[in-house]
All heavy atoms as atom14 arrays in JSON, in Angstrom:
{
  "sequence": "RASEGKTVEVPYRGPVEGTMQELMGGVRSAMTYIGAVRLKE",
  "atom14_mask": [
    [1, 1, 1, 1, 1, 1, 1, 1, 1, 1, 1, 0, 0, 0],
    [1, 1, 1, 1, 1, 0, 0, 0, 0, 0, 0, 0, 0, 0],
    [1, 1, 1, 1, 1, 1, 0, 0, 0, 0, 0, 0, 0, 0],
    [1, 1, 1, 1, 1, 1, 1, 1, 1, 0, 0, 0, 0, 0],
    [1, 1, 1, 1, 0, 0, 0, 0, 0, 0, 0, 0, 0, 0],
    [1, 1, 1, 1, 1, 1, 1, 1, 1, 0, 0, 0, 0, 0],
    [1, 1, 1, 1, 1, 1, 1, 0, 0, 0, 0, 0, 0, 0],
    [1, 1, 1, 1, 1, 1, 1, 0, 0, 0, 0, 0, 0, 0],
    [1, 1, 1, 1, 1, 1, 1, 1, 1, 0, 0, 0, 0, 0],
    [1, 1, 1, 1, 1, 1, 1, 0, 0, 0, 0, 0, 0, 0],
    [1, 1, 1, 1, 1, 1, 1, 0, 0, 0, 0, 0, 0, 0],
    [1, 1, 1, 1, 1, 1, 1, 1, 1, 1, 1, 1, 0, 0],
    [1, 1, 1, 1, 1, 1, 1, 1, 1, 1, 1, 0, 0, 0],
    [1, 1, 1, 1, 0, 0, 0, 0, 0, 0, 0, 0, 0, 0],
    [1, 1, 1, 1, 1, 1, 1, 0, 0, 0, 0, 0, 0, 0],
    [1, 1, 1, 1, 1, 1, 1, 0, 0, 0, 0, 0, 0, 0],
    [1, 1, 1, 1, 1, 1, 1, 1, 1, 0, 0, 0, 0, 0],
    [1, 1, 1, 1, 0, 0, 0, 0, 0, 0, 0, 0, 0, 0],
    [1, 1, 1, 1, 1, 1, 1, 0, 0, 0, 0, 0, 0, 0],
    [1, 1, 1, 1, 1, 1, 1, 1, 0, 0, 0, 0, 0, 0],
    [1, 1, 1, 1, 1, 1, 1, 1, 1, 0, 0, 0, 0, 0],
    [1, 1, 1, 1, 1, 1, 1, 1, 1, 0, 0, 0, 0, 0],
    [1, 1, 1, 1, 1, 1, 1, 1, 0, 0, 0, 0, 0, 0],
    [1, 1, 1, 1, 1, 1, 1, 1, 0, 0, 0, 0, 0, 0],
    [1, 1, 1, 1, 0, 0, 0, 0, 0, 0, 0, 0, 0, 0],
    [1, 1, 1, 1, 0, 0, 0, 0, 0, 0, 0, 0, 0, 0],
    [1, 1, 1, 1, 1, 1, 1, 0, 0, 0, 0, 0, 0, 0],
    [1, 1, 1, 1, 1, 1, 1, 1, 1, 1, 1, 0, 0, 0],
    [1, 1, 1, 1, 1, 1, 0, 0, 0, 0, 0, 0, 0, 0],
    [1, 1, 1, 1, 1, 0, 0, 0, 0, 0, 0, 0, 0, 0],
    [1, 1, 1, 1, 1, 1, 1, 1, 0, 0, 0, 0, 0, 0],
    [1, 1, 1, 1, 1, 1, 1, 0, 0, 0, 0, 0, 0, 0],
    [1, 1, 1, 1, 1, 1, 1, 1, 1, 1, 1, 1, 0, 0],
    [1, 1, 1, 1, 1, 1, 1, 1, 0, 0, 0, 0, 0, 0],
    [1, 1, 1, 1, 0, 0, 0, 0, 0, 0, 0, 0, 0, 0],
    [1, 1, 1, 1, 1, 0, 0, 0, 0, 0, 0, 0, 0, 0],
    [1, 1, 1, 1, 1, 1, 1, 0, 0, 0, 0, 0, 0, 0],
    [1, 1, 1, 1, 1, 1, 1, 1, 1, 1, 1, 0, 0, 0],
    [1, 1, 1, 1, 1, 1, 1, 1, 0, 0, 0, 0, 0, 0],
    [1, 1, 1, 1, 1, 1, 1, 1, 1, 0, 0, 0, 0, 0],
    [1, 1, 1, 1, 1, 1, 1, 1, 1, 0, 0, 0, 0, 0]
  ],
  "atom14_positions": [
    [[-25.47, -18.11, 40.93], [-24.98, -17.32, 39.8], [-24.05, -18.14, 38.93], [-23.72, -19.29, 39.23], [-24.26, -16.06, 40.3], [-23.0, -16.34, 41.11], [-22.24, -15.06, 41.38], [-21.84, -14.42, 40.13], [-21.24, -13.23, 40.07], [-21.01, -12.55, 41.18], [-20.88, -12.71, 38.91], [0.0, 0.0, 0.0], [0.0, 0.0, 0.0], [0.0, 0.0, 0.0]],
    [[-23.63, -17.54, 37.8], [-22.67, -18.17, 36.9], [-21.51, -17.23, 36.7], [-21.62, -16.02, 36.91], [-23.33, -18.47, 35.55], [0.0, 0.0, 0.0], [0.0, 0.0, 0.0], [0.0, 0.0, 0.0], [0.0, 0.0, 0.0], [0.0, 0.0, 0.0], [0.0, 0.0, 0.0], [0.0, 0.0, 0.0], [0.0, 0.0, 0.0], [0.0, 0.0, 0.0]],
    [[-20.38, -17.78, 36.3], [-19.23, -16.95, 35.98], [-19.55, -16.09, 34.76], [-20.17, -16.55, 33.8], [-18.03, -17.85, 35.67], [-16.99, -17.11, 35.05], [0.0, 0.0, 0.0], [0.0, 0.0, 0.0], [0.0, 0.0, 0.0], [0.0, 0.0, 0.0], [0.0, 0.0, 0.0], [0.0, 0.0, 0.0], [0.0, 0.0, 0.0], [0.0, 0.0, 0.0]],
    [[-19.15, -14.82, 34.81], [-19.35, -13.92, 33.67], [-18.04, -13.28, 33.24], [-17.99, -12.13, 32.8], [-20.4, -12.84, 34.0], [-21.8, -13.41, 34.18], [-22.84, -12.36, 34.52], [-22.65, -11.18, 34.13], [-23.83, -12.71, 35.17], [0.0, 0.0, 0.0], [0.0, 0.0, 0.0], [0.0, 0.0, 0.0], [0.0, 0.0, 0.0], [0.0, 0.0, 0.0]],
    [[-16.96, -14.06, 33.4], [-15.65, -13.57, 32.97], [-14.77, -14.74, 32.6], [-15.08, -15.89, 32.9], [0.0, 0.0, 0.0], [0.0, 0.0, 0.0], [0.0, 0.0, 0.0], [0.0, 0.0, 0.0], [0.0, 0.0, 0.0], [0.0, 0.0, 0.0], [0.0, 0.0, 0.0], [0.0, 0.0, 0.0], [0.0, 0.0, 0.0], [0.0, 0.0, 0.0]],
    [[-13.68, -14.46, 31.92], [-12.77, -15.53, 31.53], [-11.36, -15.21, 31.97], [-11.03, -14.06, 32.31], [-12.83, -15.77, 30.03], [-12.56, -14.55, 29.16], [-12.82, -14.89, 27.69], [-12.74, -13.65, 26.82], [-13.04, -13.95, 25.41], [0.0, 0.0, 0.0], [0.0, 0.0, 0.0], [0.0, 0.0, 0.0], [0.0, 0.0, 0.0], [0.0, 0.0, 0.0]],
    [[-10.52, -16.24, 31.96], [-9.12, -16.11, 32.34], [-8.27, -16.39, 31.11], [-8.46, -17.4, 30.43], [-8.77, -17.1, 33.46], [-9.61, -16.84, 34.59], [-7.31, -16.97, 33.86], [0.0, 0.0, 0.0], [0.0, 0.0, 0.0], [0.0, 0.0, 0.0], [0.0, 0.0, 0.0], [0.0, 0.0, 0.0], [0.0, 0.0, 0.0], [0.0, 0.0, 0.0]],
    [[-7.33, -15.48, 30.82], [-6.48, -15.62, 29.65], [-5.03, -15.33, 30.04], [-4.75, -14.85, 31.14], [-6.91, -14.65, 28.52], [-8.34, -14.92, 28.1], [-6.75, -13.19, 28.95], [0.0, 0.0, 0.0], [0.0, 0.0, 0.0], [0.0, 0.0, 0.0], [0.0, 0.0, 0.0], [0.0, 0.0, 0.0], [0.0, 0.0, 0.0], [0.0, 0.0, 0.0]],
    [[-4.13, -15.63, 29.13], [-2.75, -15.2, 29.29], [-2.45, -14.16, 28.23], [-2.68, -14.38, 27.03], [-1.78, -16.37, 29.15], [-0.32, -15.94, 29.33], [0.66, -17.09, 29.21], [0.83, -17.82, 30.2], [1.26, -17.24, 28.12], [0.0, 0.0, 0.0], [0.0, 0.0, 0.0], [0.0, 0.0, 0.0], [0.0, 0.0, 0.0], [0.0, 0.0, 0.0]],
    [[-1.95, -13.01, 28.65], [-1.54, -11.96, 27.72], [-0.02, -11.94, 27.64], [0.66, -12.36, 28.58], [-2.08, -10.58, 28.16], [-3.59, -10.58, 28.19], [-1.53, -10.2, 29.54], [0.0, 0.0, 0.0], [0.0, 0.0, 0.0], [0.0, 0.0, 0.0], [0.0, 0.0, 0.0], [0.0, 0.0, 0.0], [0.0, 0.0, 0.0], [0.0, 0.0, 0.0]],
    [[0.54, -11.48, 26.54], [2.01, -11.42, 26.43], [2.59, -10.49, 27.48], [2.01, -9.45, 27.81], [2.24, -10.87, 25.02], [0.98, -11.13, 24.28], [-0.12, -11.06, 25.29], [0.0, 0.0, 0.0], [0.0, 0.0, 0.0], [0.0, 0.0, 0.0], [0.0, 0.0, 0.0], [0.0, 0.0, 0.0], [0.0, 0.0, 0.0], [0.0, 0.0, 0.0]],
    [[3.76, -10.86, 28.01], [4.47, -9.98, 28.91], [4.97, -8.77, 28.12], [5.55, -8.91, 27.04], [5.65, -10.72, 29.55], [6.57, -9.81, 30.33], [6.18, -9.32, 31.58], [7.79, -9.41, 29.81], [7.02, -8.46, 32.3], [8.63, -8.56, 30.52], [8.23, -8.1, 31.76], [9.05, -7.24, 32.46], [0.0, 0.0, 0.0], [0.0, 0.0, 0.0]],
    [[4.74, -7.55, 28.65], [4.98, -6.35, 27.86], [5.94, -5.36, 28.52], [6.12, -4.24, 28.03], [3.64, -5.66, 27.58], [2.68, -6.56, 26.83], [1.25, -6.06, 26.9], [1.06, -4.85, 26.11], [-0.07, -4.16, 26.1], [-1.09, -4.55, 26.85], [-0.17, -3.07, 25.36], [0.0, 0.0, 0.0], [0.0, 0.0, 0.0], [0.0, 0.0, 0.0]],
    [[6.58, -5.73, 29.62], [7.54, -4.84, 30.25], [6.88, -3.65, 30.93], [5.71, -3.71, 31.31], [0.0, 0.0, 0.0], [0.0, 0.0, 0.0], [0.0, 0.0, 0.0], [0.0, 0.0, 0.0], [0.0, 0.0, 0.0], [0.0, 0.0, 0.0], [0.0, 0.0, 0.0], [0.0, 0.0, 0.0], [0.0, 0.0, 0.0], [0.0, 0.0, 0.0]],
    [[7.6, -2.54, 31.08], [7.03, -1.37, 31.75], [5.86, -0.79, 30.97], [5.83, -0.84, 29.74], [8.2, -0.38, 31.8], [9.43, -1.22, 31.61], [9.02, -2.36, 30.73], [0.0, 0.0, 0.0], [0.0, 0.0, 0.0], [0.0, 0.0, 0.0], [0.0, 0.0, 0.0], [0.0, 0.0, 0.0], [0.0, 0.0, 0.0], [0.0, 0.0, 0.0]],
    [[4.91, -0.19, 31.67], [3.73, 0.39, 31.03], [4.07, 1.67, 30.28], [3.26, 2.16, 29.48], [2.63, 0.65, 32.09], [2.96, 1.88, 32.93], [1.26, 0.79, 31.44], [0.0, 0.0, 0.0], [0.0, 0.0, 0.0], [0.0, 0.0, 0.0], [0.0, 0.0, 0.0], [0.0, 0.0, 0.0], [0.0, 0.0, 0.0], [0.0, 0.0, 0.0]],
    [[5.26, 2.2, 30.49], [5.68, 3.45, 29.85], [5.51, 3.39, 28.33], [4.99, 4.33, 27.71], [7.15, 3.73, 30.19], [7.71, 5.01, 29.62], [7.25, 6.25, 30.37], [6.84, 6.12, 31.53], [7.3, 7.34, 29.77], [0.0, 0.0, 0.0], [0.0, 0.0, 0.0], [0.0, 0.0, 0.0], [0.0, 0.0, 0.0], [0.0, 0.0, 0.0]],
    [[5.93, 2.29, 27.7], [5.84, 2.18, 26.25], [4.41, 2.18, 25.76], [4.07, 2.79, 24.74], [0.0, 0.0, 0.0], [0.0, 0.0, 0.0], [0.0, 0.0, 0.0], [0.0, 0.0, 0.0], [0.0, 0.0, 0.0], [0.0, 0.0, 0.0], [0.0, 0.0, 0.0], [0.0, 0.0, 0.0], [0.0, 0.0, 0.0], [0.0, 0.0, 0.0]],
    [[3.53, 1.48, 26.48], [2.12, 1.43, 26.1], [1.48, 2.8, 26.25], [0.67, 3.22, 25.4], [1.38, 0.38, 26.94], [1.91, -0.91, 26.64], [-0.12, 0.39, 26.63], [0.0, 0.0, 0.0], [0.0, 0.0, 0.0], [0.0, 0.0, 0.0], [0.0, 0.0, 0.0], [0.0, 0.0, 0.0], [0.0, 0.0, 0.0], [0.0, 0.0, 0.0]],
    [[1.8, 3.52, 27.31], [1.25, 4.87, 27.49], [1.7, 5.79, 26.36], [0.93, 6.64, 25.89], [1.65, 5.44, 28.84], [0.9, 4.81, 30.01], [-0.9, 5.02, 29.88], [-1.05, 6.81, 29.97], [0.0, 0.0, 0.0], [0.0, 0.0, 0.0], [0.0, 0.0, 0.0], [0.0, 0.0, 0.0], [0.0, 0.0, 0.0], [0.0, 0.0, 0.0]],
    [[2.93, 5.62, 25.89], [3.4, 6.44, 24.77], [2.59, 6.14, 23.51], [2.22, 7.05, 22.76], [4.89, 6.2, 24.52], [5.47, 7.09, 23.42], [6.98, 6.93, 23.3], [7.64, 6.44, 24.2], [7.51, 7.36, 22.16], [0.0, 0.0, 0.0], [0.0, 0.0, 0.0], [0.0, 0.0, 0.0], [0.0, 0.0, 0.0], [0.0, 0.0, 0.0]],
    [[2.28, 4.86, 23.29], [1.46, 4.48, 22.14], [0.05, 5.06, 22.24], [-0.49, 5.6, 21.27], [1.36, 2.96, 22.03], [2.61, 2.27, 21.52], [2.37, 0.79, 21.32], [1.23, 0.33, 21.55], [3.32, 0.09, 20.93], [0.0, 0.0, 0.0], [0.0, 0.0, 0.0], [0.0, 0.0, 0.0], [0.0, 0.0, 0.0], [0.0, 0.0, 0.0]],
    [[-0.55, 4.93, 23.42], [-1.91, 5.41, 23.6], [-2.01, 6.92, 23.43], [-2.87, 7.44, 22.7], [-2.43, 5.0, 24.99], [-2.61, 3.51, 25.23], [-2.86, 3.23, 26.72], [-3.77, 2.96, 24.4], [0.0, 0.0, 0.0], [0.0, 0.0, 0.0], [0.0, 0.0, 0.0], [0.0, 0.0, 0.0], [0.0, 0.0, 0.0], [0.0, 0.0, 0.0]],
    [[-1.13, 7.64, 24.1], [-1.17, 9.09, 24.02], [-0.75, 9.57, 22.63], [-1.32, 10.54, 22.09], [-0.27, 9.7, 25.1], [-0.72, 9.35, 26.51], [0.35, 9.97, 27.83], [-0.2, 11.68, 27.93], [0.0, 0.0, 0.0], [0.0, 0.0, 0.0], [0.0, 0.0, 0.0], [0.0, 0.0, 0.0], [0.0, 0.0, 0.0], [0.0, 0.0, 0.0]],
    [[0.2, 8.87, 22.02], [0.61, 9.23, 20.67], [-0.49, 9.01, 19.65], [-0.67, 9.81, 18.72], [0.0, 0.0, 0.0], [0.0, 0.0, 0.0], [0.0, 0.0, 0.0], [0.0, 0.0, 0.0], [0.0, 0.0, 0.0], [0.0, 0.0, 0.0], [0.0, 0.0, 0.0], [0.0, 0.0, 0.0], [0.0, 0.0, 0.0], [0.0, 0.0, 0.0]],
    [[-1.26, 7.92, 19.81], [-2.38, 7.67, 18.91], [-3.44, 8.75, 19.0], [-3.99, 9.2, 17.98], [0.0, 0.0, 0.0], [0.0, 0.0, 0.0], [0.0, 0.0, 0.0], [0.0, 0.0, 0.0], [0.0, 0.0, 0.0], [0.0, 0.0, 0.0], [0.0, 0.0, 0.0], [0.0, 0.0, 0.0], [0.0, 0.0, 0.0], [0.0, 0.0, 0.0]],
    [[-3.73, 9.19, 20.22], [-4.71, 10.26, 20.4], [-4.2, 11.56, 19.8], [-4.93, 12.29, 19.11], [-5.05, 10.44, 21.9], [-5.95, 11.66, 22.1], [-5.74, 9.18, 22.44], [0.0, 0.0, 0.0], [0.0, 0.0, 0.0], [0.0, 0.0, 0.0], [0.0, 0.0, 0.0], [0.0, 0.0, 0.0], [0.0, 0.0, 0.0], [0.0, 0.0, 0.0]],
    [[-2.93, 11.87, 20.02], [-2.35, 13.08, 19.44], [-2.46, 13.06, 17.92], [-2.81, 14.06, 17.28], [-0.89, 13.23, 19.85], [-0.66, 13.64, 21.29], [0.8, 14.02, 21.52], [1.03, 14.37, 22.92], [1.51, 13.53, 23.83], [1.81, 12.28, 23.48], [1.67, 13.91, 25.08], [0.0, 0.0, 0.0], [0.0, 0.0, 0.0], [0.0, 0.0, 0.0]],
    [[-2.13, 11.92, 17.33], [-2.19, 11.82, 15.88], [-3.62, 11.99, 15.37], [-3.86, 12.67, 14.37], [-1.62, 10.46, 15.44], [-1.49, 10.41, 14.04], [0.0, 0.0, 0.0], [0.0, 0.0, 0.0], [0.0, 0.0, 0.0], [0.0, 0.0, 0.0], [0.0, 0.0, 0.0], [0.0, 0.0, 0.0], [0.0, 0.0, 0.0], [0.0, 0.0, 0.0]],
    [[-4.58, 11.36, 16.05], [-5.98, 11.52, 15.65], [-6.39, 12.99, 15.69], [-7.13, 13.47, 14.82], [-6.87, 10.69, 16.58], [0.0, 0.0, 0.0], [0.0, 0.0, 0.0], [0.0, 0.0, 0.0], [0.0, 0.0, 0.0], [0.0, 0.0, 0.0], [0.0, 0.0, 0.0], [0.0, 0.0, 0.0], [0.0, 0.0, 0.0], [0.0, 0.0, 0.0]],
    [[-5.92, 13.7, 16.7], [-6.27, 15.11, 16.83], [-5.73, 15.93, 15.67], [-6.37, 16.86, 15.18], [-5.77, 15.65, 18.17], [-6.52, 15.08, 19.37], [-5.76, 15.46, 20.97], [-5.96, 17.24, 21.04], [0.0, 0.0, 0.0], [0.0, 0.0, 0.0], [0.0, 0.0, 0.0], [0.0, 0.0, 0.0], [0.0, 0.0, 0.0], [0.0, 0.0, 0.0]],
    [[-4.52, 15.59, 15.18], [-3.98, 16.33, 14.05], [-4.77, 16.04, 12.77], [-4.88, 16.91, 11.91], [-2.49, 16.0, 13.82], [-2.35, 14.61, 13.48], [-1.67, 16.29, 15.07], [0.0, 0.0, 0.0], [0.0, 0.0, 0.0], [0.0, 0.0, 0.0], [0.0, 0.0, 0.0], [0.0, 0.0, 0.0], [0.0, 0.0, 0.0], [0.0, 0.0, 0.0]],
    [[-5.31, 14.82, 12.64], [-6.1, 14.49, 11.46], [-7.4, 15.28, 11.38], [-7.95, 15.48, 10.3], [-6.42, 12.99, 11.44], [-5.38, 12.13, 10.79], [-4.57, 11.3, 11.55], [-5.21, 12.13, 9.41], [-3.61, 10.49, 10.96], [-4.26, 11.33, 8.8], [-3.46, 10.52, 9.58], [-2.51, 9.73, 8.98], [0.0, 0.0, 0.0], [0.0, 0.0, 0.0]],
    [[-7.93, 15.71, 12.53], [-9.21, 16.43, 12.52], [-9.06, 17.9, 12.94], [-10.06, 18.61, 13.07], [-10.26, 15.73, 13.41], [-9.8, 15.68, 14.87], [-10.56, 14.33, 12.88], [-10.85, 15.1, 15.82], [0.0, 0.0, 0.0], [0.0, 0.0, 0.0], [0.0, 0.0, 0.0], [0.0, 0.0, 0.0], [0.0, 0.0, 0.0], [0.0, 0.0, 0.0]],
    [[-7.83, 18.34, 13.18], [-7.6, 19.73, 13.48], [-8.0, 20.16, 14.87], [-8.36, 21.33, 15.09], [0.0, 0.0, 0.0], [0.0, 0.0, 0.0], [0.0, 0.0, 0.0], [0.0, 0.0, 0.0], [0.0, 0.0, 0.0], [0.0, 0.0, 0.0], [0.0, 0.0, 0.0], [0.0, 0.0, 0.0], [0.0, 0.0, 0.0], [0.0, 0.0, 0.0]],
    [[-7.94, 19.24, 15.84], [-8.28, 19.57, 17.22], [-7.01, 19.9, 17.99], [-6.15, 19.04, 18.17], [-9.01, 18.4, 17.88], [0.0, 0.0, 0.0], [0.0, 0.0, 0.0], [0.0, 0.0, 0.0], [0.0, 0.0, 0.0], [0.0, 0.0, 0.0], [0.0, 0.0, 0.0], [0.0, 0.0, 0.0], [0.0, 0.0, 0.0], [0.0, 0.0, 0.0]],
    [[-6.88, 21.15, 18.42], [-5.69, 21.56, 19.17], [-5.74, 21.04, 20.6], [-4.73, 20.63, 21.16], [-5.56, 23.1, 19.17], [-4.34, 23.54, 19.98], [-5.47, 23.62, 17.74], [0.0, 0.0, 0.0], [0.0, 0.0, 0.0], [0.0, 0.0, 0.0], [0.0, 0.0, 0.0], [0.0, 0.0, 0.0], [0.0, 0.0, 0.0], [0.0, 0.0, 0.0]],
    [[-6.92, 21.05, 21.21], [-7.12, 20.58, 22.59], [-8.06, 19.4, 22.6], [-8.98, 19.3, 21.77], [-7.67, 21.72, 23.46], [-6.7, 22.88, 23.62], [-7.29, 23.99, 24.5], [-8.46, 24.59, 23.87], [-8.39, 25.58, 22.99], [-7.22, 26.07, 22.61], [-9.49, 26.08, 22.47], [0.0, 0.0, 0.0], [0.0, 0.0, 0.0], [0.0, 0.0, 0.0]],
    [[-7.87, 18.5, 23.57], [-8.66, 17.28, 23.63], [-10.15, 17.57, 23.74], [-10.97, 16.85, 23.19], [-8.18, 16.4, 24.8], [-8.77, 15.0, 24.89], [-8.51, 14.2, 23.61], [-8.22, 14.26, 26.1], [0.0, 0.0, 0.0], [0.0, 0.0, 0.0], [0.0, 0.0, 0.0], [0.0, 0.0, 0.0], [0.0, 0.0, 0.0], [0.0, 0.0, 0.0]],
    [[-10.51, 18.64, 24.44], [-11.93, 18.94, 24.61], [-12.61, 19.32, 23.3], [-13.83, 19.29, 23.21], [-12.13, 20.03, 25.65], [-11.8, 21.44, 25.2], [-12.21, 22.43, 26.27], [-12.09, 23.87, 25.77], [-12.56, 24.82, 26.79], [0.0, 0.0, 0.0], [0.0, 0.0, 0.0], [0.0, 0.0, 0.0], [0.0, 0.0, 0.0], [0.0, 0.0, 0.0]],
    [[-11.81, 19.64, 22.25], [-12.39, 19.98, 20.95], [-12.74, 18.74, 20.13], [-13.44, 18.85, 19.12], [-11.39, 20.83, 20.15], [-11.04, 22.16, 20.79], [-9.88, 22.84, 20.05], [-9.48, 22.34, 18.98], [-9.37, 23.84, 20.56], [0.0, 0.0, 0.0], [0.0, 0.0, 0.0], [0.0, 0.0, 0.0], [0.0, 0.0, 0.0], [0.0, 0.0, 0.0]]
  ]
}
């Protein structure tokens, strides 16, 4: 076989708490743009 992945260095980002806030906040904002009260909508 051959390798099918690569190795990189990503910036150190501290606790995952901040990233989760960004991810969940982005989804919430998208929902307000399309008028979806619940995620399943």
